[in-house]
PDB file of N, CA and C in Angstrom:
ATOM      1  N   UNK A   1     131.728  37.579 103.542  1.00  0.00           N
ATOM      2  CA  UNK A   1     132.382  38.071 102.342  1.00  0.00           C
ATOM      3  C   UNK A   1     133.193  36.927 101.744  1.00  0.00           C
ATOM      4  N   UNK A   2     133.011  36.612 100.464  1.00  0.00           N
ATOM      5  CA  UNK A   2     133.776  35.531  99.850  1.00  0.00           C
ATOM      6  C   UNK A   2     135.270  35.832  99.882  1.00  0.00           C
ATOM      7  N   UNK A   3     136.077  34.788  99.956  1.00  0.00           N
ATOM      8  CA  UNK A   3     137.519  34.979 100.076  1.00  0.00           C
ATOM      9  C   UNK A   3     138.106  35.735  98.892  1.00  0.00           C
ATOM     10  N   UNK A   4     137.532  35.556  97.690  1.00  0.00           N
ATOM     11  CA  UNK A   4     138.063  36.283  96.533  1.00  0.00           C
ATOM     12  C   UNK A   4     137.899  37.795  96.720  1.00  0.00           C
ATOM     13  N   UNK A   5     136.789  38.224  97.330  1.00  0.00           N
ATOM     14  CA  UNK A   5     136.584  39.653  97.569  1.00  0.00           C
ATOM     15  C   UNK A   5     137.596  40.189  98.569  1.00  0.00           C
ATOM     16  N   UNK A   6     137.884  39.408  99.601  1.00  0.00           N
ATOM     17  CA  UNK A   6     138.876  39.812 100.595  1.00  0.00           C
ATOM     18  C   UNK A   6     140.248  39.899  99.940  1.00  0.00           C
ATOM     19  N   UNK A   7     140.562  38.941  99.099  1.00  0.00           N
ATOM     20  CA  UNK A   7     141.853  38.956  98.410  1.00  0.00           C
ATOM     21  C   UNK A   7     141.960  40.152  97.465  1.00  0.00           C
ATOM     22  N   UNK A   8     140.884  40.461  96.765  1.00  0.00           N
ATOM     23  CA  UNK A   8     140.895  41.618  95.868  1.00  0.00           C
ATOM     24  C   UNK A   8     141.097  42.907  96.651  1.00  0.00           C
ATOM     25  N   UNK A   9     140.432  43.013  97.792  1.00  0.00           N
ATOM     26  CA  UNK A   9     140.585  44.198  98.634  1.00  0.00           C
ATOM     27  C   UNK A   9     142.016  44.303  99.159  1.00  0.00           C
ATOM     28  N   UNK A  10     142.583  43.195  99.574  1.00  0.00           N
ATOM     29  CA  UNK A  10     143.963  43.200 100.056  1.00  0.00           C
ATOM     30  C   UNK A  10     144.921  43.630  98.955  1.00  0.00           C
ATOM     31  N   UNK A  11     144.674  43.161  97.735  1.00  0.00           N
ATOM     32  CA  UNK A  11     145.516  43.567  96.605  1.00  0.00           C
ATOM     33  C   UNK A  11     145.442  45.074  96.384  1.00  0.00           C
ATOM     34  N   UNK A  12     144.233  45.632  96.466  1.00  0.00           N
ATOM     35  CA  UNK A  12     144.079  47.077  96.299  1.00  0.00           C
ATOM     36  C   UNK A  12     144.807  47.849  97.391  1.00  0.00           C
ATOM     37  N   UNK A  13     144.714  47.368  98.618  1.00  0.00           N
ATOM     38  CA  UNK A  13     145.363  48.050  99.741  1.00  0.00           C
ATOM     39  C   UNK A  13     146.881  47.957  99.666  1.00  0.00           C
ATOM     40  N   UNK A  14     147.386  46.935  99.023  1.00  0.00           N
ATOM     41  CA  UNK A  14     148.828  46.726  98.933  1.00  0.00           C
ATOM     42  C   UNK A  14     149.411  47.308  97.642  1.00  0.00           C
ATOM     43  N   UNK A  15     148.664  48.146  96.966  1.00  0.00           N
ATOM     44  CA  UNK A  15     149.100  48.755  95.712  1.00  0.00           C
ATOM     45  C   UNK A  15     150.425  49.489  95.934  1.00  0.00           C
ATOM     46  N   UNK A  16     151.452  49.110  95.225  1.00  0.00           N
ATOM     47  CA  UNK A  16     152.791  49.671  95.419  1.00  0.00           C
ATOM     48  C   UNK A  16     153.133  50.806  94.452  1.00  0.00           C
ATOM     49  N   UNK A  17     152.174  51.188  93.602  1.00  0.00           N
ATOM     50  CA  UNK A  17     152.472  52.275  92.675  1.00  0.00           C
ATOM     51  C   UNK A  17     152.731  53.567  93.448  1.00  0.00           C
ATOM     52  N   UNK A  18     153.621  54.420  92.947  1.00  0.00           N
ATOM     53  CA  UNK A  18     153.855  55.708  93.627  1.00  0.00           C
ATOM     54  C   UNK A  18     152.623  56.608  93.533  1.00  0.00           C
ATOM     55  N   UNK A  19     152.481  57.488  94.507  1.00  0.00           N
ATOM     56  CA  UNK A  19     151.331  58.393  94.535  1.00  0.00           C
ATOM     57  C   UNK A  19     151.281  59.268  93.295  1.00  0.00           C
ATOM     58  N   UNK A  20     152.436  59.643  92.764  1.00  0.00           N
ATOM     59  CA  UNK A  20     152.449  60.476  91.551  1.00  0.00           C
ATOM     60  C   UNK A  20     151.779  59.750  90.386  1.00  0.00           C
ATOM     61  N   UNK A  21     152.017  58.460  90.269  1.00  0.00           N
ATOM     62  CA  UNK A  21     151.394  57.669  89.204  1.00  0.00           C
ATOM     63  C   UNK A  21     149.885  57.550  89.438  1.00  0.00           C
ATOM     64  N   UNK A  22     149.486  57.316  90.676  1.00  0.00           N
ATOM     65  CA  UNK A  22     148.057  57.220  90.986  1.00  0.00           C
ATOM     66  C   UNK A  22     147.358  58.549  90.677  1.00  0.00           C
ATOM     67  N   UNK A  23     148.003  59.652  91.023  1.00  0.00           N
ATOM     68  CA  UNK A  23     147.424  60.976  90.761  1.00  0.00           C
ATOM     69  C   UNK A  23     147.270  61.208  89.264  1.00  0.00           C
ATOM     70  N   UNK A  24     148.276  60.811  88.485  1.00  0.00           N
ATOM     71  CA  UNK A  24     148.206  60.982  87.036  1.00  0.00           C
ATOM     72  C   UNK A  24     147.044  60.182  86.448  1.00  0.00           C
ATOM     73  N   UNK A  25     146.850  58.963  86.930  1.00  0.00           N
ATOM     74  CA  UNK A  25     145.788  58.093  86.411  1.00  0.00           C
ATOM     75  C   UNK A  25     144.408  58.708  86.607  1.00  0.00           C
ATOM     76  N   UNK A  26     144.196  59.374  87.748  1.00  0.00           N
ATOM     77  CA  UNK A  26     142.872  59.951  88.030  1.00  0.00           C
ATOM     78  C   UNK A  26     142.784  61.443  87.699  1.00  0.00           C
ATOM     79  N   UNK A  27     143.816  61.975  87.039  1.00  0.00           N
ATOM     80  CA  UNK A  27     143.771  63.363  86.591  1.00  0.00           C
ATOM     81  C   UNK A  27     144.031  64.392  87.668  1.00  0.00           C
ATOM     82  N   UNK A  28     144.761  64.019  88.707  1.00  0.00           N
ATOM     83  CA  UNK A  28     145.057  64.957  89.796  1.00  0.00           C
ATOM     84  C   UNK A  28     146.551  65.262  89.894  1.00  0.00           C
ATOM     85  N   UNK A  29     147.273  65.194  88.769  1.00  0.00           N
ATOM     86  CA  UNK A  29     148.710  65.399  88.827  1.00  0.00           C
ATOM     87  C   UNK A  29     149.095  66.811  89.259  1.00  0.00           C
ATOM     88  N   UNK A  30     148.334  67.835  88.850  1.00  0.00           N
ATOM     89  CA  UNK A  30     148.649  69.205  89.271  1.00  0.00           C
ATOM     90  C   UNK A  30     148.473  69.369  90.778  1.00  0.00           C
ATOM     91  N   UNK A  31     147.388  68.822  91.304  1.00  0.00           N
ATOM     92  CA  UNK A  31     147.137  68.898  92.734  1.00  0.00           C
ATOM     93  C   UNK A  31     148.207  68.122  93.508  1.00  0.00           C
ATOM     94  N   UNK A  32     148.568  66.959  92.998  1.00  0.00           N
ATOM     95  CA  UNK A  32     149.611  66.167  93.644  1.00  0.00           C
ATOM     96  C   UNK A  32     150.918  66.951  93.673  1.00  0.00           C
ATOM     97  N   UNK A  33     151.295  67.524  92.538  1.00  0.00           N
ATOM     98  CA  UNK A  33     152.565  68.251  92.451  1.00  0.00           C
ATOM     99  C   UNK A  33     152.592  69.429  93.426  1.00  0.00           C
ATOM    100  N   UNK A  34     151.488  70.183  93.480  1.00  0.00           N
ATOM    101  CA  UNK A  34     151.424  71.313  94.409  1.00  0.00           C
ATOM    102  C   UNK A  34     151.570  70.829  95.853  1.00  0.00           C
ATOM    103  N   UNK A  35     150.784  69.812  96.220  1.00  0.00           N
ATOM    104  CA  UNK A  35     150.823  69.284  97.588  1.00  0.00           C
ATOM    105  C   UNK A  35     152.201  68.729  97.930  1.00  0.00           C
ATOM    106  N   UNK A  36     152.797  68.018  96.984  1.00  0.00           N
ATOM    107  CA  UNK A  36     154.112  67.424  97.204  1.00  0.00           C
ATOM    108  C   UNK A  36     155.165  68.505  97.457  1.00  0.00           C
ATOM    109  N   UNK A  37     155.183  69.503  96.587  1.00  0.00           N
ATOM    110  CA  UNK A  37     156.191  70.559  96.728  1.00  0.00           C
ATOM    111  C   UNK A  37     155.981  71.370  98.008  1.00  0.00           C
ATOM    112  N   UNK A  38     154.730  71.673  98.322  1.00  0.00           N
ATOM    113  CA  UNK A  38     154.441  72.477  99.510  1.00  0.00           C
ATOM    114  C   UNK A  38     154.813  71.722 100.782  1.00  0.00           C
ATOM    115  N   UNK A  39     154.346  70.484 100.914  1.00  0.00           N
ATOM    116  CA  UNK A  39     154.641  69.726 102.136  1.00  0.00           C
ATOM    117  C   UNK A  39     156.109  69.361 102.219  1.00  0.00           C
ATOM    118  N   UNK A  40     156.736  69.119 101.078  1.00  0.00           N
ATOM    119  CA  UNK A  40     158.166  68.810 101.078  1.00  0.00           C
ATOM    120  C   UNK A  40     158.974  69.996 101.617  1.00  0.00           C
ATOM    121  N   UNK A  41     158.583  71.208 101.201  1.00  0.00           N
ATOM    122  CA  UNK A  41     159.303  72.394 101.683  1.00  0.00           C
ATOM    123  C   UNK A  41     159.091  72.619 103.179  1.00  0.00           C
ATOM    124  N   UNK A  42     157.966  72.145 103.711  1.00  0.00           N
ATOM    125  CA  UNK A  42     157.721  72.269 105.147  1.00  0.00           C
ATOM    126  C   UNK A  42     158.506  71.227 105.941  1.00  0.00           C
ATOM    127  N   UNK A  43     158.692  70.057 105.356  1.00  0.00           N
ATOM    128  CA  UNK A  43     159.320  68.949 106.072  1.00  0.00           C
ATOM    129  C   UNK A  43     160.838  68.964 106.014  1.00  0.00           C
ATOM    130  N   UNK A  44     161.397  69.408 104.904  1.00  0.00           N
ATOM    131  CA  UNK A  44     162.838  69.315 104.700  1.00  0.00           C
ATOM    132  C   UNK A  44     163.485  70.678 104.881  1.00  0.00           C
ATOM    133  N   UNK A  45     164.545  70.705 105.633  1.00  0.00           N
ATOM    134  CA  UNK A  45     165.260  71.957 105.863  1.00  0.00           C
ATOM    135  C   UNK A  45     166.142  72.270 104.660  1.00  0.00           C
ATOM    136  N   UNK A  46     165.908  73.425 104.084  1.00  0.00           N
ATOM    137  CA  UNK A  46     166.748  73.921 102.997  1.00  0.00           C
ATOM    138  C   UNK A  46     167.149  75.343 103.380  1.00  0.00           C
ATOM    139  N   UNK A  47     168.079  75.905 102.664  1.00  0.00           N
ATOM    140  CA  UNK A  47     168.549  77.251 102.978  1.00  0.00           C
ATOM    141  C   UNK A  47     167.424  78.265 103.076  1.00  0.00           C
ATOM    142  N   UNK A  48     166.467  78.167 102.173  1.00  0.00           N
ATOM    143  CA  UNK A  48     165.334  79.096 102.165  1.00  0.00           C
ATOM    144  C   UNK A  48     164.540  79.007 103.466  1.00  0.00           C
ATOM    145  N   UNK A  49     164.492  77.815 104.069  1.00  0.00           N
ATOM    146  CA  UNK A  49     163.721  77.608 105.299  1.00  0.00           C
ATOM    147  C   UNK A  49     164.225  78.490 106.443  1.00  0.00           C
ATOM    148  N   UNK A  50     165.495  78.821 106.412  1.00  0.00           N
ATOM    149  CA  UNK A  50     166.061  79.631 107.485  1.00  0.00           C
ATOM    150  C   UNK A  50     165.526  81.056 107.483  1.00  0.00           C
ATOM    151  N   UNK A  51     164.993  81.502 106.354  1.00  0.00           N
ATOM    152  CA  UNK A  51     164.537  82.889 106.229  1.00  0.00           C
ATOM    153  C   UNK A  51     163.017  83.038 106.191  1.00  0.00           C
ATOM    154  N   UNK A  52     162.297  81.949 106.372  1.00  0.00           N
ATOM    155  CA  UNK A  52     160.844  82.029 106.334  1.00  0.00           C
ATOM    156  C   UNK A  52     160.276  82.115 107.742  1.00  0.00           C
ATOM    157  N   UNK A  53     159.090  82.668 107.821  1.00  0.00           N
ATOM    158  CA  UNK A  53     158.411  82.795 109.103  1.00  0.00           C
ATOM    159  C   UNK A  53     158.033  81.415 109.647  1.00  0.00           C
ATOM    160  N   UNK A  54     158.157  81.222 110.957  1.00  0.00           N
ATOM    161  CA  UNK A  54     157.781  79.920 111.519  1.00  0.00           C
ATOM    162  C   UNK A  54     156.263  79.698 111.546  1.00  0.00           C
ATOM    163  N   UNK A  55     155.485  80.780 111.576  1.00  0.00           N
ATOM    164  CA  UNK A  55     154.032  80.663 111.590  1.00  0.00           C
ATOM    165  C   UNK A  55     153.501  80.711 110.164  1.00  0.00           C
ATOM    166  N   UNK A  56     152.360  80.067 109.975  1.00  0.00           N
ATOM    167  CA  UNK A  56     151.725  80.087 108.659  1.00  0.00           C
ATOM    168  C   UNK A  56     151.235  81.498 108.364  1.00  0.00           C
ATOM    169  N   UNK A  57     151.446  81.948 107.148  1.00  0.00           N
ATOM    170  CA  UNK A  57     151.039  83.288 106.744  1.00  0.00           C
ATOM    171  C   UNK A  57     149.602  83.266 106.235  1.00  0.00           C
ATOM    172  N   UNK A  58     148.966  84.421 106.212  1.00  0.00           N
ATOM    173  CA  UNK A  58     147.569  84.523 105.798  1.00  0.00           C
ATOM    174  C   UNK A  58     147.366  83.970 104.389  1.00  0.00           C
ATOM    175  N   UNK A  59     148.249  84.306 103.466  1.00  0.00           N
ATOM    176  CA  UNK A  59     148.101  83.844 102.079  1.00  0.00           C
ATOM    177  C   UNK A  59     148.168  82.317 102.009  1.00  0.00           C
ATOM    178  N   UNK A  60     149.068  81.719 102.779  1.00  0.00           N
ATOM    179  CA  UNK A  60     149.172  80.259 102.801  1.00  0.00           C
ATOM    180  C   UNK A  60     147.904  79.636 103.372  1.00  0.00           C
ATOM    181  N   UNK A  61     147.402  80.218 104.439  1.00  0.00           N
ATOM    182  CA  UNK A  61     146.172  79.718 105.050  1.00  0.00           C
ATOM    183  C   UNK A  61     145.007  79.822 104.076  1.00  0.00           C
ATOM    184  N   UNK A  62     144.947  80.913 103.343  1.00  0.00           N
ATOM    185  CA  UNK A  62     143.883  81.121 102.362  1.00  0.00           C
ATOM    186  C   UNK A  62     143.933  80.036 101.286  1.00  0.00           C
ATOM    187  N   UNK A  63     145.123  79.737 100.790  1.00  0.00           N
ATOM    188  CA  UNK A  63     145.287  78.702  99.764  1.00  0.00           C
ATOM    189  C   UNK A  63     144.876  77.337 100.311  1.00  0.00           C
ATOM    190  N   UNK A  64     145.319  77.020 101.514  1.00  0.00           N
ATOM    191  CA  UNK A  64     145.004  75.724 102.113  1.00  0.00           C
ATOM    192  C   UNK A  64     143.502  75.586 102.340  1.00  0.00           C
ATOM    193  N   UNK A  65     142.862  76.634 102.836  1.00  0.00           N
ATOM    194  CA  UNK A  65     141.400  76.579 103.040  1.00  0.00           C
ATOM    195  C   UNK A  65     140.664  76.418 101.720  1.00  0.00           C
ATOM    196  N   UNK A  66     141.125  77.116 100.705  1.00  0.00           N
ATOM    197  CA  UNK A  66     140.499  76.999  99.390  1.00  0.00           C
ATOM    198  C   UNK A  66     140.611  75.583  98.835  1.00  0.00           C
ATOM    199  N   UNK A  67     141.799  74.991  98.972  1.00  0.00           N
ATOM    200  CA  UNK A  67     141.991  73.616  98.498  1.00  0.00           C
ATOM    201  C   UNK A  67     141.142  72.638  99.310  1.00  0.00           C
ATOM    202  N   UNK A  68     141.068  72.836 100.616  1.00  0.00           N
ATOM    203  CA  UNK A  68     140.245  71.961 101.459  1.00  0.00           C
ATOM    204  C   UNK A  68     138.781  72.041 101.029  1.00  0.00           C
ATOM    205  N   UNK A  69     138.310  73.244 100.732  1.00  0.00           N
ATOM    206  CA  UNK A  69     136.942  73.434 100.272  1.00  0.00           C
ATOM    207  C   UNK A  69     136.721  72.719  98.940  1.00  0.00           C
ATOM    208  N   UNK A  70     137.641  72.909  98.015  1.00  0.00           N
ATOM    209  CA  UNK A  70     137.527  72.302  96.690  1.00  0.00           C
ATOM    210  C   UNK A  70     137.461  70.780  96.777  1.00  0.00           C
ATOM    211  N   UNK A  71     138.371  70.189  97.538  1.00  0.00           N
ATOM    212  CA  UNK A  71     138.423  68.732  97.596  1.00  0.00           C
ATOM    213  C   UNK A  71     137.302  68.146  98.443  1.00  0.00           C
ATOM    214  N   UNK A  72     136.865  68.862  99.456  1.00  0.00           N
ATOM    215  CA  UNK A  72     135.712  68.404 100.236  1.00  0.00           C
ATOM    216  C   UNK A  72     134.466  68.375  99.364  1.00  0.00           C
ATOM    217  N   UNK A  73     134.279  69.416  98.576  1.00  0.00           N
ATOM    218  CA  UNK A  73     133.126  69.466  97.673  1.00  0.00           C
ATOM    219  C   UNK A  73     133.185  68.342  96.655  1.00  0.00           C
ATOM    220  N   UNK A  74     134.352  68.123  96.093  1.00  0.00           N
ATOM    221  CA  UNK A  74     134.519  67.066  95.095  1.00  0.00           C
ATOM    222  C   UNK A  74     134.277  65.686  95.720  1.00  0.00           C
ATOM    223  N   UNK A  75     134.806  65.459  96.914  1.00  0.00           N
ATOM    224  CA  UNK A  75     134.624  64.172  97.593  1.00  0.00           C
ATOM    225  C   UNK A  75     133.155  63.919  97.904  1.00  0.00           C
ATOM    226  N   UNK A  76     132.461  64.948  98.385  1.00  0.00           N
ATOM    227  CA  UNK A  76     131.035  64.784  98.695  1.00  0.00           C
ATOM    228  C   UNK A  76     130.229  64.501  97.436  1.00  0.00           C
ATOM    229  N   UNK A  77     130.585  65.137  96.340  1.00  0.00           N
ATOM    230  CA  UNK A  77     129.891  64.888  95.074  1.00  0.00           C
ATOM    231  C   UNK A  77     130.090  63.437  94.627  1.00  0.00           C
ATOM    232  N   UNK A  78     131.306  62.936  94.759  1.00  0.00           N
ATOM    233  CA  UNK A  78     131.584  61.542  94.386  1.00  0.00           C
ATOM    234  C   UNK A  78     130.863  60.575  95.321  1.00  0.00           C
ATOM    235  N   UNK A  79     130.828  60.901  96.609  1.00  0.00           N
ATOM    236  CA  UNK A  79     130.088  60.055  97.550  1.00  0.00           C
ATOM    237  C   UNK A  79     128.608  60.000  97.177  1.00  0.00           C
ATOM    238  N   UNK A  80     128.068  61.132  96.808  1.00  0.00           N
ATOM    239  CA  UNK A  80     126.660  61.172  96.400  1.00  0.00           C
ATOM    240  C   UNK A  80     126.438  60.326  95.145  1.00  0.00           C
ATOM    241  N   UNK A  81     127.339  60.457  94.205  1.00  0.00           N
ATOM    242  CA  UNK A  81     127.169  59.761  92.932  1.00  0.00           C
ATOM    243  C   UNK A  81     127.273  58.243  93.085  1.00  0.00           C
ATOM    244  N   UNK A  82     128.228  57.776  93.882  1.00  0.00           N
ATOM    245  CA  UNK A  82     128.486  56.342  93.933  1.00  0.00           C
ATOM    246  C   UNK A  82     127.850  55.606  95.105  1.00  0.00           C
ATOM    247  N   UNK A  83     127.530  56.308  96.176  1.00  0.00           N
ATOM    248  CA  UNK A  83     126.976  55.584  97.325  1.00  0.00           C
ATOM    249  C   UNK A  83     125.689  56.206  97.851  1.00  0.00           C
ATOM    250  N   UNK A  84     125.125  57.111  97.098  1.00  0.00           N
ATOM    251  CA  UNK A  84     123.844  57.714  97.445  1.00  0.00           C
ATOM    252  C   UNK A  84     123.850  58.465  98.773  1.00  0.00           C
ATOM    253  N   UNK A  85     124.993  59.010  99.142  1.00  0.00           N
ATOM    254  CA  UNK A  85     125.060  59.894 100.302  1.00  0.00           C
ATOM    255  C   UNK A  85     124.301  61.165  99.923  1.00  0.00           C
ATOM    256  N   UNK A  86     123.461  61.696 100.810  1.00  0.00           N
ATOM    257  CA  UNK A  86     122.695  62.904 100.457  1.00  0.00           C
ATOM    258  C   UNK A  86     123.614  64.055 100.040  1.00  0.00           C
ATOM    259  N   UNK A  87     123.121  64.896  99.163  1.00  0.00           N
ATOM    260  CA  UNK A  87     123.908  66.062  98.723  1.00  0.00           C
ATOM    261  C   UNK A  87     124.133  66.999  99.904  1.00  0.00           C
ATOM    262  N   UNK A  88     125.353  67.490  99.992  1.00  0.00           N
ATOM    263  CA  UNK A  88     125.721  68.457 101.024  1.00  0.00           C
ATOM    264  C   UNK A  88     126.531  69.552 100.352  1.00  0.00           C
ATOM    265  N   UNK A  89     126.521  70.693 100.936  1.00  0.00           N
ATOM    266  CA  UNK A  89     127.289  71.800 100.388  1.00  0.00           C
ATOM    267  C   UNK A  89     128.406  72.148 101.361  1.00  0.00           C
ATOM    268  N   UNK A  90     129.606  72.316 100.834  1.00  0.00           N
ATOM    269  CA  UNK A  90     130.739  72.759 101.638  1.00  0.00           C
ATOM    270  C   UNK A  90     130.783  74.272 101.535  1.00  0.00           C
ATOM    271  N   UNK A  91     130.829  74.922 102.662  1.00  0.00           N
ATOM    272  CA  UNK A  91     130.822  76.378 102.687  1.00  0.00           C
ATOM    273  C   UNK A  91     132.187  76.872 103.130  1.00  0.00           C
ATOM    274  N   UNK A  92     132.747  77.764 102.349  1.00  0.00           N
ATOM    275  CA  UNK A  92     134.046  78.356 102.668  1.00  0.00           C
ATOM    276  C   UNK A  92     133.793  79.613 103.490  1.00  0.00           C
ATOM    277  N   UNK A  93     134.263  79.607 104.714  1.00  0.00           N
ATOM    278  CA  UNK A  93     134.081  80.761 105.592  1.00  0.00           C
ATOM    279  C   UNK A  93     135.432  81.450 105.705  1.00  0.00           C
ATOM    280  N   UNK A  94     135.477  82.657 105.203  1.00  0.00           N
ATOM    281  CA  UNK A  94     136.726  83.396 105.229  1.00  0.00           C
ATOM    282  C   UNK A  94     136.771  84.271 106.469  1.00  0.00           C
ATOM    283  N   UNK A  95     137.816  84.067 107.263  1.00  0.00           N
ATOM    284  CA  UNK A  95     138.010  84.926 108.419  1.00  0.00           C
ATOM    285  C   UNK A  95     138.477  86.290 107.934  1.00  0.00           C
ATOM    286  N   UNK A  96     138.272  87.258 108.780  1.00  0.00           N
ATOM    287  CA  UNK A  96     138.774  88.578 108.462  1.00  0.00           C
ATOM    288  C   UNK A  96     140.295  88.528 108.474  1.00  0.00           C
ATOM    289  N   UNK A  97     140.921  89.185 107.519  1.00  0.00           N
ATOM    290  CA  UNK A  97     142.382  89.196 107.448  1.00  0.00           C
ATOM    291  C   UNK A  97     142.933  89.864 108.709  1.00  0.00           C
ATOM    292  N   UNK A  98     143.907  89.230 109.352  1.00  0.00           N
ATOM    293  CA  UNK A  98     144.500  89.832 110.556  1.00  0.00           C
ATOM    294  C   UNK A  98     145.004  91.247 110.269  1.00  0.00           C
ATOM    295  N   UNK A  99     144.844  92.114 111.239  1.00  0.00           N
ATOM    296  CA  UNK A  99     145.224  93.520 111.051  1.00  0.00           C
ATOM    297  C   UNK A  99     146.715  93.720 110.919  1.00  0.00           C
ATOM    298  N   UNK A 100     147.529  92.897 111.574  1.00  0.00           N
ATOM    299  CA  UNK A 100     148.982  93.072 111.531  1.00  0.00           C
ATOM    300  C   UNK A 100     149.609  91.979 110.698  1.00  0.00           C
ATOM    301  N   UNK A 101     149.611  92.151 109.378  1.00  0.00           N
ATOM    302  CA  UNK A 101     150.248  91.221 108.455  1.00  0.00           C
ATOM    303  C   UNK A 101     151.371  91.956 107.762  1.00  0.00           C
ATOM    304  N   UNK A 102     152.482  91.296 107.623  1.00  0.00           N
ATOM    305  CA  UNK A 102     153.644  91.927 106.985  1.00  0.00           C
ATOM    306  C   UNK A 102     153.676  91.710 105.491  1.00  0.00           C
ATOM    307  N   UNK A 103     152.672  91.042 104.899  1.00  0.00           N
ATOM    308  CA  UNK A 103     152.728  90.753 103.466  1.00  0.00           C
ATOM    309  C   UNK A 103     152.076  91.767 102.635  1.00  0.00           C
TER     310      UNK A 103
END
């Protein structure tokens, strides 16, 4: 690999822009904002955290699985388009809702 290619790759890896800016550039600002707020609320203790269930709730799991399905499908489509990875389908398998849910 020529040294200029290695240097270009190193520059890309050392990109110091904030993730919010990167998300805006590629049109994923809504997804970034949702992920940021959700994970931030899980990581940082706030007053509301004292009153929430310690286990993940069914609705939260449903949202997370849906997002994982959406982004997996999108990633596979981009892989197919740019690197000729064979087309694959992501299948969302919904578990039966637990019988004892308080929501």
